[in-house]
Amino acid sequence: MLIEYIEEALRRAKYEIIDDEEPYYGEIKELKGVWATGRTLEECRKNLREVVEGWILLSIKKGLPIPKLGKFEIKEMKKIVV
């Protein structure tokens, strides 16, 4: 489900060209603070994927909420003791 969540996040990304050394800028507004740049659109997309992955891991570690994106969500699994 993690891969599907990341793919959904990237489908929601908005890209623009900015006046910078790395002119391609992408962000995912539903995920607060998630943005990246790149020299090409493909590099920007790759960098944005890495930022999303890191954002998810940090959110889990800190116990921060991770918003549902469409039908995709990341939830903590309860441990089952047998």
C-alpha atoms as a PDB file:
ATOM      1  CA  MET A   1       0.000   0.000   0.000  1.00  0.00           C
ATOM      2  CA  LEU A   2       2.979   2.308   0.550  1.00  0.00           C
ATOM      3  CA  ILE A   3       3.949   2.312  -3.125  1.00  0.00           C
ATOM      4  CA  GLU A   4       0.370   3.069  -4.159  1.00  0.00           C
ATOM      5  CA  TYR A   5       0.223   5.971  -1.671  1.00  0.00           C
ATOM      6  CA  ILE A   6       3.456   7.453  -3.051  1.00  0.00           C
ATOM      7  CA  GLU A   7       2.228   7.065  -6.645  1.00  0.00           C
ATOM      8  CA  GLU A   8      -1.047   8.799  -5.742  1.00  0.00           C
ATOM      9  CA  ALA A   9       0.895  11.621  -4.090  1.00  0.00           C
ATOM     10  CA  LEU A  10       2.996  12.066  -7.243  1.00  0.00           C
ATOM     11  CA  ARG A  11      -0.158  12.124  -9.403  1.00  0.00           C
ATOM     12  CA  ARG A  12      -1.308  15.098  -7.304  1.00  0.00           C
ATOM     13  CA  ALA A  13       1.987  16.977  -7.738  1.00  0.00           C
ATOM     14  CA  LYS A  14       1.962  20.363  -9.404  1.00  0.00           C
ATOM     15  CA  TYR A  15       5.042  21.438 -11.348  1.00  0.00           C
ATOM     16  CA  GLU A  16       6.240  24.818 -12.522  1.00  0.00           C
ATOM     17  CA  ILE A  17       9.368  26.408 -13.930  1.00  0.00           C
ATOM     18  CA  ILE A  18      11.128  28.886 -11.643  1.00  0.00           C
ATOM     19  CA  ASP A  19      14.106  31.201 -12.121  1.00  0.00           C
ATOM     20  CA  ASP A  20      16.747  29.050 -10.449  1.00  0.00           C
ATOM     21  CA  GLU A  21      19.764  26.833 -11.149  1.00  0.00           C
ATOM     22  CA  GLU A  22      17.319  23.917 -10.834  1.00  0.00           C
ATOM     23  CA  PRO A  23      14.364  25.436 -12.694  1.00  0.00           C
ATOM     24  CA  TYR A  24      11.819  22.636 -12.290  1.00  0.00           C
ATOM     25  CA  TYR A  25       9.848  22.910  -9.052  1.00  0.00           C
ATOM     26  CA  GLY A  26       7.253  20.436  -7.840  1.00  0.00           C
ATOM     27  CA  GLU A  27       5.095  20.256  -4.743  1.00  0.00           C
ATOM     28  CA  ILE A  28       2.268  18.232  -3.287  1.00  0.00           C
ATOM     29  CA  LYS A  29      -0.060  20.614  -1.488  1.00  0.00           C
ATOM     30  CA  GLU A  30      -1.857  17.839   0.440  1.00  0.00           C
ATOM     31  CA  LEU A  31       1.456  16.903   2.107  1.00  0.00           C
ATOM     32  CA  LYS A  32       2.603  19.927   4.082  1.00  0.00           C
ATOM     33  CA  GLY A  33       6.211  20.886   3.342  1.00  0.00           C
ATOM     34  CA  VAL A  34       6.710  18.388   0.514  1.00  0.00           C
ATOM     35  CA  TRP A  35       8.478  19.995  -2.461  1.00  0.00           C
ATOM     36  CA  ALA A  36      11.552  19.431  -4.625  1.00  0.00           C
ATOM     37  CA  THR A  37      13.499  20.930  -7.523  1.00  0.00           C
ATOM     38  CA  GLY A  38      15.537  19.523 -10.379  1.00  0.00           C
ATOM     39  CA  ARG A  39      17.466  20.443 -13.523  1.00  0.00           C
ATOM     40  CA  THR A  40      14.910  18.499 -15.575  1.00  0.00           C
ATOM     41  CA  LEU A  41      11.292  17.549 -14.971  1.00  0.00           C
ATOM     42  CA  GLU A  42      12.298  13.902 -14.564  1.00  0.00           C
ATOM     43  CA  GLU A  43      14.975  14.811 -11.987  1.00  0.00           C
ATOM     44  CA  CYS A  44      12.455  16.953 -10.130  1.00  0.00           C
ATOM     45  CA  ARG A  45       9.972  14.071 -10.092  1.00  0.00           C
ATOM     46  CA  LYS A  46      12.658  11.661  -8.802  1.00  0.00           C
ATOM     47  CA  ASN A  47      13.652  14.131  -6.087  1.00  0.00           C
ATOM     48  CA  LEU A  48      10.010  14.665  -5.148  1.00  0.00           C
ATOM     49  CA  ARG A  49       9.513  10.891  -4.771  1.00  0.00           C
ATOM     50  CA  GLU A  50      12.478  10.778  -2.364  1.00  0.00           C
ATOM     51  CA  VAL A  51      11.069  13.702  -0.383  1.00  0.00           C
ATOM     52  CA  VAL A  52       7.667  11.972  -0.114  1.00  0.00           C
ATOM     53  CA  GLU A  53       9.329   8.774   1.124  1.00  0.00           C
ATOM     54  CA  GLY A  54      11.339  10.677   3.740  1.00  0.00           C
ATOM     55  CA  TRP A  55       8.293  12.717   4.769  1.00  0.00           C
ATOM     56  CA  ILE A  56       6.287   9.524   5.360  1.00  0.00           C
ATOM     57  CA  LEU A  57       9.067   7.931   7.430  1.00  0.00           C
ATOM     58  CA  LEU A  58       9.542  11.065   9.523  1.00  0.00           C
ATOM     59  CA  SER A  59       5.794  11.428  10.045  1.00  0.00           C
ATOM     60  CA  ILE A  60       5.558   7.819  11.246  1.00  0.00           C
ATOM     61  CA  LYS A  61       8.563   8.212  13.553  1.00  0.00           C
ATOM     62  CA  LYS A  62       7.173  11.407  15.108  1.00  0.00           C
ATOM     63  CA  GLY A  63       3.587  10.132  15.251  1.00  0.00           C
ATOM     64  CA  LEU A  64       2.356  12.895  12.943  1.00  0.00           C
ATOM     65  CA  PRO A  65      -0.854  12.467  10.945  1.00  0.00           C
ATOM     66  CA  ILE A  66      -0.544  11.329   7.340  1.00  0.00           C
ATOM     67  CA  PRO A  67      -3.498  12.482   5.253  1.00  0.00           C
ATOM     68  CA  LYS A  68      -5.534  10.068   3.209  1.00  0.00           C
ATOM     69  CA  LEU A  69      -5.061  10.618  -0.530  1.00  0.00           C
ATOM     70  CA  GLY A  70      -8.144   9.424  -2.375  1.00  0.00           C
ATOM     71  CA  LYS A  71      -8.591   5.781  -1.412  1.00  0.00           C
ATOM     72  CA  PHE A  72      -5.007   5.451  -0.152  1.00  0.00           C
ATOM     73  CA  GLU A  73      -3.930   5.884   3.450  1.00  0.00           C
ATOM     74  CA  ILE A  74      -1.106   4.849   5.718  1.00  0.00           C
ATOM     75  CA  LYS A  75      -2.134   3.591   9.131  1.00  0.00           C
ATOM     76  CA  GLU A  76      -0.260   2.065  11.997  1.00  0.00           C
ATOM     77  CA  MET A  77      -0.818  -1.653  12.243  1.00  0.00           C
ATOM     78  CA  LYS A  78      -1.630  -3.066  15.643  1.00  0.00           C
ATOM     79  CA  LYS A  79       0.655  -5.794  16.933  1.00  0.00           C
ATOM     80  CA  ILE A  80      -1.042  -9.129  17.389  1.00  0.00           C
ATOM     81  CA  VAL A  81       0.388 -11.192  20.210  1.00  0.00           C
ATOM     82  CA  VAL A  82      -0.137 -14.921  19.875  1.00  0.00           C
END
